């Protein structure tokens, strides 16, 4: 008769009372239904394509300035909707800019039909916020020295945190942030 390979379950080590390791638990007891992840990379490195591999239906919130919201690479992926965010109102917008991201997140917190929400990209959202703070007609092609007054970058960072917090706090879906 051939030998049988019997699986032996490993025993968790025990630690003396008061040990720092006494609170260790097997990772098999940990379950996370949703993930929150930030994907960082250069332009056109495949961040959006990678994000499109997450569970569908998916909502992509795009602050990318081009007309297709930077979603050409995933235009053949089923189950993905895109909503664009711009500093200036887009056709059909009732709210725009950073306020639109907050409004989307608040609506998703109340009722979310999506398994994954993607912010594409937080870097471009910073540009949207800078335009809002400075009252510019559009994102400048190149920032010259001295163009941004003292404290505006700090204000932009604070506004970005305020804008992203409701999205990051979603507990009813995967949240993917591209940067």
N, C-alpha and C. Protein backbone atom coordinates (compact mmCIF):
# COMPACT_ATOMS: atom_id res chain seq x y z
N UNK A 1 0.83 -1.16 0.00
CA UNK A 1 0.00 0.00 0.00
C UNK A 1 0.89 1.25 0.00
N UNK A 2 0.56 2.26 -0.87
CA UNK A 2 1.41 3.45 -0.94
C UNK A 2 1.29 4.27 0.34
N UNK A 3 2.35 4.99 0.68
CA UNK A 3 2.31 5.82 1.90
C UNK A 3 1.30 6.96 1.73
N UNK A 4 0.65 7.31 2.79
CA UNK A 4 -0.32 8.42 2.77
C UNK A 4 0.35 9.63 3.39
N UNK A 5 0.17 10.73 2.72
CA UNK A 5 0.71 11.99 3.26
C UNK A 5 -0.38 12.63 4.10
N UNK A 6 -0.23 12.49 5.38
CA UNK A 6 -1.21 13.05 6.30
C UNK A 6 -0.77 14.47 6.67
N UNK A 7 -1.71 15.40 6.48
CA UNK A 7 -1.40 16.78 6.80
C UNK A 7 -1.46 16.98 8.31
N UNK A 8 -0.41 17.51 8.84
CA UNK A 8 -0.34 17.78 10.27
C UNK A 8 -0.50 19.27 10.46
N UNK A 9 -1.53 19.65 11.20
CA UNK A 9 -1.77 21.06 11.47
C UNK A 9 -0.73 21.56 12.45
N UNK A 10 -0.11 22.67 12.13
CA UNK A 10 0.88 23.22 13.06
C UNK A 10 0.21 23.74 14.33
N UNK A 11 0.89 23.58 15.41
CA UNK A 11 0.40 24.05 16.69
C UNK A 11 0.91 25.48 16.91
N UNK A 12 0.03 26.34 17.34
CA UNK A 12 0.44 27.71 17.65
C UNK A 12 1.30 27.68 18.90
N UNK A 13 2.41 28.38 18.88
CA UNK A 13 3.24 28.41 20.09
C UNK A 13 2.53 29.13 21.23
N UNK A 14 2.84 28.76 22.41
CA UNK A 14 2.28 29.47 23.56
C UNK A 14 3.39 30.30 24.18
N UNK A 15 2.99 31.41 24.74
CA UNK A 15 3.94 32.33 25.33
C UNK A 15 3.56 32.56 26.78
N UNK A 16 4.53 32.84 27.61
CA UNK A 16 4.23 33.07 29.02
C UNK A 16 3.37 34.32 29.20
N UNK A 17 2.57 34.30 30.24
CA UNK A 17 1.72 35.44 30.54
C UNK A 17 2.58 36.68 30.71
N UNK A 18 2.13 37.77 30.10
CA UNK A 18 2.89 39.01 30.17
C UNK A 18 3.84 39.19 29.00
N UNK A 19 4.01 38.14 28.18
CA UNK A 19 4.89 38.26 27.02
C UNK A 19 4.27 39.19 25.99
N UNK A 20 5.09 39.95 25.34
CA UNK A 20 4.62 40.83 24.26
C UNK A 20 3.98 39.99 23.15
N UNK A 21 4.46 38.79 22.94
CA UNK A 21 3.95 37.92 21.88
C UNK A 21 2.68 37.17 22.27
N UNK A 22 2.26 37.28 23.51
CA UNK A 22 1.06 36.56 23.96
C UNK A 22 -0.19 37.01 23.21
N UNK A 23 -0.18 38.20 22.64
CA UNK A 23 -1.32 38.70 21.89
C UNK A 23 -1.31 38.33 20.43
N UNK A 24 -0.32 37.58 19.98
CA UNK A 24 -0.24 37.17 18.57
C UNK A 24 -1.37 36.20 18.25
N UNK A 25 -1.99 36.38 17.08
CA UNK A 25 -3.08 35.51 16.64
C UNK A 25 -2.74 34.95 15.27
N UNK A 26 -3.23 33.76 14.95
CA UNK A 26 -2.98 33.20 13.62
C UNK A 26 -3.61 34.08 12.54
N UNK A 27 -2.88 34.33 11.47
CA UNK A 27 -3.41 35.18 10.40
C UNK A 27 -4.62 34.55 9.72
N UNK A 28 -4.77 33.24 9.86
CA UNK A 28 -5.93 32.58 9.25
C UNK A 28 -7.23 33.01 9.91
N UNK A 29 -7.14 33.67 11.07
CA UNK A 29 -8.35 34.14 11.74
C UNK A 29 -8.73 35.55 11.29
N UNK A 30 -7.86 36.18 10.53
CA UNK A 30 -8.11 37.54 10.07
C UNK A 30 -8.81 37.52 8.72
N UNK A 31 -9.86 38.25 8.58
CA UNK A 31 -10.58 38.31 7.31
C UNK A 31 -10.85 39.76 6.98
N UNK A 32 -10.55 40.12 5.78
CA UNK A 32 -10.82 41.47 5.30
C UNK A 32 -11.68 41.33 4.06
N UNK A 33 -12.89 41.87 4.13
CA UNK A 33 -13.79 41.78 2.99
C UNK A 33 -13.43 42.77 1.89
N UNK A 34 -12.87 43.88 2.26
CA UNK A 34 -12.56 44.94 1.31
C UNK A 34 -11.10 45.35 1.47
N UNK A 35 -10.53 45.84 0.39
CA UNK A 35 -9.15 46.33 0.45
C UNK A 35 -9.12 47.80 0.10
N UNK A 36 -8.13 48.48 0.65
CA UNK A 36 -7.83 49.86 0.29
C UNK A 36 -6.37 49.85 -0.11
N UNK A 37 -6.10 50.33 -1.31
CA UNK A 37 -4.74 50.26 -1.82
C UNK A 37 -4.41 51.53 -2.61
N UNK A 38 -3.15 51.91 -2.54
CA UNK A 38 -2.65 53.04 -3.34
C UNK A 38 -1.63 52.48 -4.31
N UNK A 39 -1.82 52.78 -5.58
CA UNK A 39 -0.89 52.34 -6.62
C UNK A 39 -0.20 53.58 -7.17
N UNK A 40 1.12 53.58 -7.07
CA UNK A 40 1.91 54.73 -7.46
C UNK A 40 2.80 54.35 -8.64
N UNK A 41 2.87 55.22 -9.62
CA UNK A 41 3.76 54.97 -10.75
C UNK A 41 3.79 56.14 -11.71
N UNK A 42 4.74 56.10 -12.63
CA UNK A 42 4.88 57.15 -13.63
C UNK A 42 3.68 57.16 -14.57
N UNK A 43 3.54 58.24 -15.32
CA UNK A 43 2.49 58.31 -16.33
C UNK A 43 2.64 57.15 -17.31
N UNK A 44 1.50 56.57 -17.69
CA UNK A 44 1.41 55.51 -18.69
C UNK A 44 2.17 54.24 -18.27
N UNK A 45 2.27 54.00 -16.95
CA UNK A 45 2.97 52.81 -16.47
C UNK A 45 2.03 51.63 -16.23
N UNK A 46 0.70 51.82 -16.39
CA UNK A 46 -0.24 50.72 -16.24
C UNK A 46 -1.05 50.74 -14.96
N UNK A 47 -1.07 51.87 -14.27
CA UNK A 47 -1.81 51.97 -13.00
C UNK A 47 -3.31 51.74 -13.22
N UNK A 48 -3.88 52.39 -14.21
CA UNK A 48 -5.32 52.26 -14.48
C UNK A 48 -5.64 50.84 -14.94
N UNK A 49 -4.80 50.28 -15.78
CA UNK A 49 -4.99 48.91 -16.24
C UNK A 49 -4.94 47.93 -15.08
N UNK A 50 -4.01 48.12 -14.16
CA UNK A 50 -3.93 47.28 -12.98
C UNK A 50 -5.17 47.45 -12.11
N UNK A 51 -5.60 48.68 -11.90
CA UNK A 51 -6.79 48.93 -11.08
C UNK A 51 -8.02 48.26 -11.68
N UNK A 52 -8.09 48.17 -13.00
CA UNK A 52 -9.25 47.57 -13.67
C UNK A 52 -9.35 46.07 -13.44
N UNK A 53 -8.37 45.48 -12.78
CA UNK A 53 -8.40 44.05 -12.47
C UNK A 53 -9.20 43.76 -11.20
N UNK A 54 -9.53 44.80 -10.45
CA UNK A 54 -10.31 44.60 -9.23
C UNK A 54 -11.75 44.24 -9.58
N UNK A 55 -12.52 43.87 -8.56
CA UNK A 55 -13.89 43.38 -8.72
C UNK A 55 -14.79 44.43 -9.39
N UNK A 56 -15.69 43.95 -10.22
CA UNK A 56 -16.68 44.78 -10.90
C UNK A 56 -18.04 44.53 -10.26
N UNK A 57 -18.99 45.41 -10.37
CA UNK A 57 -18.91 46.68 -11.09
C UNK A 57 -17.96 47.65 -10.40
N UNK A 58 -17.39 48.52 -11.24
CA UNK A 58 -16.36 49.44 -10.78
C UNK A 58 -16.71 50.86 -11.21
N UNK A 59 -16.42 51.81 -10.33
CA UNK A 59 -16.54 53.22 -10.66
C UNK A 59 -15.14 53.82 -10.66
N UNK A 60 -14.78 54.47 -11.75
CA UNK A 60 -13.52 55.21 -11.83
C UNK A 60 -13.87 56.69 -11.73
N UNK A 61 -13.32 57.34 -10.71
CA UNK A 61 -13.47 58.79 -10.56
C UNK A 61 -12.19 59.38 -11.12
N UNK A 62 -12.30 60.02 -12.27
CA UNK A 62 -11.11 60.51 -12.95
C UNK A 62 -10.97 62.01 -12.86
N UNK A 63 -9.83 62.46 -12.38
CA UNK A 63 -9.51 63.88 -12.38
C UNK A 63 -8.45 64.18 -13.44
N UNK A 64 -8.20 63.21 -14.30
CA UNK A 64 -7.24 63.40 -15.39
C UNK A 64 -7.78 64.45 -16.35
N UNK A 65 -6.91 65.33 -16.86
CA UNK A 65 -7.40 66.45 -17.67
C UNK A 65 -7.83 66.10 -19.09
N UNK A 66 -7.40 64.98 -19.66
CA UNK A 66 -7.76 64.70 -21.04
C UNK A 66 -9.24 64.33 -21.16
N UNK A 67 -9.76 64.46 -22.36
CA UNK A 67 -11.20 64.33 -22.61
C UNK A 67 -11.76 62.95 -22.25
N UNK A 68 -10.94 61.91 -22.31
CA UNK A 68 -11.42 60.57 -21.97
C UNK A 68 -11.12 60.19 -20.53
N UNK A 69 -10.63 61.14 -19.76
CA UNK A 69 -10.36 60.90 -18.35
C UNK A 69 -9.24 59.91 -18.09
N UNK A 70 -8.39 59.70 -19.08
CA UNK A 70 -7.27 58.78 -18.91
C UNK A 70 -7.65 57.31 -18.92
N UNK A 71 -8.86 57.02 -19.41
CA UNK A 71 -9.37 55.64 -19.33
C UNK A 71 -9.30 54.88 -20.65
N UNK A 72 -8.56 55.37 -21.63
CA UNK A 72 -8.46 54.68 -22.92
C UNK A 72 -7.94 53.26 -22.74
N UNK A 73 -7.01 53.08 -21.82
CA UNK A 73 -6.39 51.76 -21.63
C UNK A 73 -7.37 50.71 -21.13
N UNK A 74 -8.50 51.14 -20.57
CA UNK A 74 -9.48 50.17 -20.05
C UNK A 74 -10.82 50.27 -20.78
N UNK A 75 -10.81 50.90 -21.95
CA UNK A 75 -12.07 51.14 -22.67
C UNK A 75 -12.75 49.85 -23.13
N UNK A 76 -12.04 48.74 -23.10
CA UNK A 76 -12.65 47.46 -23.50
C UNK A 76 -13.01 46.58 -22.30
N UNK A 77 -12.91 47.13 -21.09
CA UNK A 77 -13.20 46.36 -19.88
C UNK A 77 -14.68 46.55 -19.52
N UNK A 78 -15.41 45.45 -19.45
CA UNK A 78 -16.83 45.49 -19.10
C UNK A 78 -17.00 45.75 -17.60
N UNK A 79 -18.10 46.41 -17.26
CA UNK A 79 -18.44 46.60 -15.85
C UNK A 79 -17.80 47.80 -15.20
N UNK A 80 -17.23 48.71 -16.01
CA UNK A 80 -16.56 49.88 -15.48
C UNK A 80 -17.29 51.14 -15.95
N UNK A 81 -17.65 51.99 -15.00
CA UNK A 81 -18.21 53.31 -15.30
C UNK A 81 -17.18 54.36 -14.91
N UNK A 82 -17.19 55.49 -15.61
CA UNK A 82 -16.26 56.57 -15.28
C UNK A 82 -17.05 57.85 -15.05
N UNK A 83 -16.64 58.60 -14.06
CA UNK A 83 -17.18 59.94 -13.82
C UNK A 83 -15.98 60.86 -13.74
N UNK A 84 -16.05 61.96 -14.47
CA UNK A 84 -14.92 62.89 -14.53
C UNK A 84 -15.10 64.03 -13.54
N UNK A 85 -13.98 64.46 -12.98
CA UNK A 85 -13.94 65.58 -12.04
C UNK A 85 -13.00 66.62 -12.62
N UNK A 86 -13.48 67.86 -12.66
CA UNK A 86 -12.69 68.95 -13.21
C UNK A 86 -12.90 70.18 -12.33
N UNK A 87 -11.92 71.08 -12.35
CA UNK A 87 -12.04 72.31 -11.57
C UNK A 87 -13.20 73.17 -12.09
N UNK A 88 -13.46 73.10 -13.37
CA UNK A 88 -14.57 73.84 -13.98
C UNK A 88 -15.69 72.86 -14.29
N UNK A 89 -16.94 73.31 -14.24
CA UNK A 89 -18.06 72.40 -14.49
C UNK A 89 -17.98 71.73 -15.87
N UNK A 90 -18.24 70.44 -15.88
CA UNK A 90 -18.34 69.68 -17.12
C UNK A 90 -19.81 69.63 -17.50
N UNK A 91 -20.14 69.33 -18.77
CA UNK A 91 -21.55 69.24 -19.16
C UNK A 91 -22.31 68.29 -18.23
N UNK A 92 -23.44 68.78 -17.71
CA UNK A 92 -24.28 67.97 -16.82
C UNK A 92 -23.91 68.04 -15.36
N UNK A 93 -22.81 68.70 -15.02
CA UNK A 93 -22.39 68.79 -13.62
C UNK A 93 -23.32 69.69 -12.81
N UNK A 94 -23.73 69.19 -11.65
CA UNK A 94 -24.43 70.03 -10.67
C UNK A 94 -23.44 70.51 -9.63
N UNK A 95 -22.37 69.76 -9.47
CA UNK A 95 -21.28 70.11 -8.55
C UNK A 95 -19.99 69.73 -9.27
N UNK A 96 -18.91 70.45 -9.00
CA UNK A 96 -17.66 70.17 -9.70
C UNK A 96 -16.47 70.30 -8.74
N UNK A 97 -15.31 69.95 -9.25
CA UNK A 97 -14.08 70.07 -8.48
C UNK A 97 -14.03 69.11 -7.30
N UNK A 98 -13.31 69.52 -6.27
CA UNK A 98 -13.14 68.66 -5.10
C UNK A 98 -14.48 68.36 -4.43
N UNK A 99 -15.42 69.29 -4.51
CA UNK A 99 -16.75 69.06 -3.92
C UNK A 99 -17.45 67.88 -4.60
N UNK A 100 -17.17 67.65 -5.86
CA UNK A 100 -17.78 66.53 -6.58
C UNK A 100 -17.27 65.21 -6.03
N UNK A 101 -15.98 65.13 -5.71
CA UNK A 101 -15.42 63.90 -5.14
C UNK A 101 -16.08 63.61 -3.79
N UNK A 102 -16.24 64.64 -2.96
CA UNK A 102 -16.88 64.48 -1.66
C UNK A 102 -18.34 64.05 -1.83
N UNK A 103 -19.04 64.67 -2.78
CA UNK A 103 -20.45 64.32 -3.03
C UNK A 103 -20.57 62.87 -3.50
N UNK A 104 -19.67 62.44 -4.37
CA UNK A 104 -19.68 61.05 -4.84
C UNK A 104 -19.47 60.10 -3.67
N UNK A 105 -18.46 60.39 -2.85
CA UNK A 105 -18.15 59.53 -1.71
C UNK A 105 -19.33 59.46 -0.74
N UNK A 106 -19.97 60.59 -0.48
CA UNK A 106 -21.12 60.60 0.43
C UNK A 106 -22.28 59.79 -0.13
N UNK A 107 -22.51 59.91 -1.43
CA UNK A 107 -23.58 59.12 -2.05
C UNK A 107 -23.25 57.63 -2.00
N UNK A 108 -21.99 57.29 -2.24
CA UNK A 108 -21.59 55.87 -2.19
C UNK A 108 -21.67 55.31 -0.77
N UNK A 109 -21.41 56.14 0.22
CA UNK A 109 -21.51 55.68 1.61
C UNK A 109 -22.95 55.29 1.94
N UNK A 110 -23.92 56.01 1.37
CA UNK A 110 -25.33 55.75 1.63
C UNK A 110 -25.86 54.58 0.79
N UNK A 111 -25.45 54.53 -0.46
CA UNK A 111 -25.91 53.46 -1.37
C UNK A 111 -24.83 53.24 -2.42
N UNK A 112 -24.22 52.08 -2.38
CA UNK A 112 -23.10 51.81 -3.27
C UNK A 112 -23.34 50.55 -4.10
N UNK A 113 -23.59 50.70 -5.39
CA UNK A 113 -23.75 49.53 -6.25
C UNK A 113 -22.43 48.96 -6.76
N UNK A 114 -21.30 49.60 -6.41
CA UNK A 114 -19.99 49.20 -6.94
C UNK A 114 -19.22 48.34 -5.95
N UNK A 115 -18.47 47.36 -6.49
CA UNK A 115 -17.59 46.56 -5.65
C UNK A 115 -16.23 47.24 -5.48
N UNK A 116 -15.88 48.10 -6.45
CA UNK A 116 -14.60 48.79 -6.40
C UNK A 116 -14.79 50.23 -6.86
N UNK A 117 -14.14 51.16 -6.15
CA UNK A 117 -14.10 52.56 -6.54
C UNK A 117 -12.64 52.95 -6.70
N UNK A 118 -12.32 53.56 -7.84
CA UNK A 118 -10.94 53.94 -8.16
C UNK A 118 -10.87 55.46 -8.30
N UNK A 119 -9.88 56.08 -7.64
CA UNK A 119 -9.59 57.50 -7.83
C UNK A 119 -8.39 57.60 -8.76
N UNK A 120 -8.59 58.14 -9.95
CA UNK A 120 -7.56 58.18 -11.00
C UNK A 120 -7.35 59.62 -11.44
N UNK A 121 -6.38 60.31 -11.06
CA UNK A 121 -5.35 60.09 -10.06
C UNK A 121 -5.45 61.17 -8.99
N UNK A 122 -4.94 60.84 -7.84
CA UNK A 122 -4.91 61.80 -6.74
C UNK A 122 -3.94 62.94 -7.08
N UNK A 123 -2.96 62.66 -7.93
CA UNK A 123 -2.01 63.68 -8.35
C UNK A 123 -2.73 64.76 -9.17
N UNK A 124 -3.58 64.33 -10.10
CA UNK A 124 -4.35 65.31 -10.89
C UNK A 124 -5.39 66.02 -10.03
N UNK A 125 -5.91 65.33 -9.01
CA UNK A 125 -6.85 65.98 -8.10
C UNK A 125 -6.17 67.13 -7.36
N UNK A 126 -4.88 66.98 -7.06
CA UNK A 126 -4.14 68.09 -6.45
C UNK A 126 -4.14 69.30 -7.36
N UNK A 127 -4.02 69.08 -8.67
CA UNK A 127 -4.05 70.19 -9.63
C UNK A 127 -5.42 70.86 -9.62
N UNK A 128 -6.48 70.05 -9.57
CA UNK A 128 -7.85 70.60 -9.51
C UNK A 128 -7.99 71.48 -8.27
N UNK A 129 -7.50 71.00 -7.16
CA UNK A 129 -7.60 71.76 -5.90
C UNK A 129 -6.77 73.03 -5.96
N UNK A 130 -5.59 72.97 -6.57
CA UNK A 130 -4.76 74.17 -6.71
C UNK A 130 -5.48 75.24 -7.54
N UNK A 131 -6.13 74.82 -8.63
CA UNK A 131 -6.90 75.75 -9.46
C UNK A 131 -8.02 76.39 -8.64
N UNK A 132 -8.70 75.57 -7.82
CA UNK A 132 -9.77 76.09 -6.96
C UNK A 132 -9.24 77.12 -5.97
N UNK A 133 -8.14 76.79 -5.31
CA UNK A 133 -7.59 77.67 -4.28
C UNK A 133 -7.07 78.99 -4.84
N UNK A 134 -6.50 78.92 -6.04
CA UNK A 134 -5.90 80.12 -6.62
C UNK A 134 -6.85 80.88 -7.55
N UNK A 135 -8.03 80.30 -7.83
CA UNK A 135 -8.98 80.97 -8.71
C UNK A 135 -8.49 81.08 -10.14
N UNK A 136 -7.71 80.11 -10.58
CA UNK A 136 -7.18 80.13 -11.95
C UNK A 136 -8.21 79.57 -12.93
N UNK A 137 -8.14 79.96 -14.19
CA UNK A 137 -9.07 79.41 -15.18
C UNK A 137 -8.76 77.96 -15.53
N UNK A 138 -7.50 77.54 -15.38
CA UNK A 138 -7.10 76.16 -15.66
C UNK A 138 -5.76 75.89 -15.00
N UNK A 139 -5.36 74.63 -15.01
CA UNK A 139 -4.06 74.25 -14.45
C UNK A 139 -2.97 74.82 -15.35
N UNK A 140 -2.04 75.59 -14.79
CA UNK A 140 -0.96 76.13 -15.62
C UNK A 140 -0.10 75.00 -16.19
N UNK A 141 0.39 75.21 -17.41
CA UNK A 141 1.26 74.21 -18.04
C UNK A 141 2.53 74.02 -17.23
N UNK A 142 3.09 75.11 -16.76
CA UNK A 142 4.33 75.03 -15.98
C UNK A 142 4.26 76.09 -14.91
N UNK A 143 4.48 75.67 -13.68
CA UNK A 143 4.47 76.63 -12.59
C UNK A 143 5.81 77.37 -12.58
N UNK A 144 5.76 78.70 -12.63
CA UNK A 144 6.99 79.47 -12.55
C UNK A 144 7.28 79.78 -11.09
N UNK A 145 8.52 80.07 -10.81
CA UNK A 145 8.91 80.38 -9.44
C UNK A 145 8.13 81.58 -8.95
N UNK A 146 7.61 81.49 -7.76
CA UNK A 146 6.91 82.60 -7.16
C UNK A 146 5.44 82.72 -7.55
N UNK A 147 4.95 81.87 -8.42
CA UNK A 147 3.56 81.96 -8.86
C UNK A 147 2.60 81.56 -7.75
N UNK A 148 2.97 80.57 -6.94
CA UNK A 148 2.09 80.09 -5.87
C UNK A 148 2.48 80.79 -4.58
N UNK A 149 1.56 81.57 -4.01
CA UNK A 149 1.88 82.31 -2.77
C UNK A 149 2.15 81.37 -1.59
N UNK A 150 2.82 81.92 -0.59
CA UNK A 150 3.12 81.18 0.64
C UNK A 150 1.85 80.57 1.22
N UNK A 151 1.95 79.35 1.68
CA UNK A 151 0.85 78.69 2.36
C UNK A 151 -0.14 77.99 1.46
N UNK A 152 -0.10 78.23 0.14
CA UNK A 152 -1.09 77.62 -0.75
C UNK A 152 -0.86 76.12 -0.88
N UNK A 153 0.40 75.70 -0.94
CA UNK A 153 0.65 74.26 -1.04
C UNK A 153 0.20 73.54 0.23
N UNK A 154 0.39 74.19 1.39
CA UNK A 154 -0.09 73.59 2.63
C UNK A 154 -1.62 73.53 2.63
N UNK A 155 -2.26 74.59 2.15
CA UNK A 155 -3.73 74.60 2.04
C UNK A 155 -4.20 73.52 1.08
N UNK A 156 -3.46 73.34 0.00
CA UNK A 156 -3.81 72.29 -0.97
C UNK A 156 -3.73 70.91 -0.32
N UNK A 157 -2.70 70.67 0.46
CA UNK A 157 -2.56 69.38 1.13
C UNK A 157 -3.71 69.15 2.11
N UNK A 158 -4.09 70.18 2.85
CA UNK A 158 -5.20 70.05 3.80
C UNK A 158 -6.52 69.79 3.06
N UNK A 159 -6.74 70.52 1.96
CA UNK A 159 -7.96 70.35 1.17
C UNK A 159 -8.00 68.95 0.53
N UNK A 160 -6.85 68.45 0.12
CA UNK A 160 -6.78 67.10 -0.46
C UNK A 160 -7.17 66.06 0.59
N UNK A 161 -6.67 66.21 1.81
CA UNK A 161 -7.04 65.29 2.89
C UNK A 161 -8.54 65.33 3.16
N UNK A 162 -9.10 66.54 3.24
CA UNK A 162 -10.54 66.69 3.46
C UNK A 162 -11.35 66.06 2.33
N UNK A 163 -10.87 66.23 1.11
CA UNK A 163 -11.57 65.72 -0.06
C UNK A 163 -11.52 64.20 -0.12
N UNK A 164 -10.38 63.63 0.19
CA UNK A 164 -10.19 62.18 0.04
C UNK A 164 -10.71 61.37 1.22
N UNK A 165 -10.80 61.98 2.41
CA UNK A 165 -11.20 61.23 3.61
C UNK A 165 -12.52 60.49 3.43
N UNK A 166 -13.59 61.10 2.91
CA UNK A 166 -14.85 60.35 2.76
C UNK A 166 -14.72 59.16 1.79
N UNK A 167 -13.87 59.30 0.78
CA UNK A 167 -13.66 58.21 -0.16
C UNK A 167 -12.86 57.07 0.49
N UNK A 168 -11.81 57.43 1.18
CA UNK A 168 -10.97 56.43 1.84
C UNK A 168 -11.75 55.72 2.95
N UNK A 169 -12.68 56.42 3.58
CA UNK A 169 -13.46 55.85 4.68
C UNK A 169 -14.59 54.91 4.23
N UNK A 170 -14.79 54.77 2.92
CA UNK A 170 -15.84 53.86 2.46
C UNK A 170 -15.55 52.44 2.96
N UNK A 171 -16.56 51.80 3.52
CA UNK A 171 -16.39 50.44 4.03
C UNK A 171 -17.17 49.41 3.21
N UNK A 172 -17.90 49.87 2.21
CA UNK A 172 -18.77 48.98 1.45
C UNK A 172 -18.21 48.61 0.07
N UNK A 173 -16.91 48.85 -0.15
CA UNK A 173 -16.29 48.51 -1.43
C UNK A 173 -14.78 48.54 -1.30
N UNK A 174 -14.11 48.01 -2.32
CA UNK A 174 -12.67 48.18 -2.43
C UNK A 174 -12.42 49.63 -2.83
N UNK A 175 -11.36 50.23 -2.32
CA UNK A 175 -10.99 51.58 -2.71
C UNK A 175 -9.55 51.53 -3.23
N UNK A 176 -9.38 51.98 -4.48
CA UNK A 176 -8.07 52.00 -5.13
C UNK A 176 -7.74 53.43 -5.47
N UNK A 177 -6.61 53.91 -4.95
CA UNK A 177 -6.15 55.27 -5.21
C UNK A 177 -4.93 55.18 -6.12
N UNK A 178 -5.00 55.87 -7.25
CA UNK A 178 -3.86 55.91 -8.17
C UNK A 178 -3.14 57.24 -8.00
N UNK A 179 -1.81 57.17 -8.02
CA UNK A 179 -0.99 58.39 -7.83
C UNK A 179 0.18 58.38 -8.79
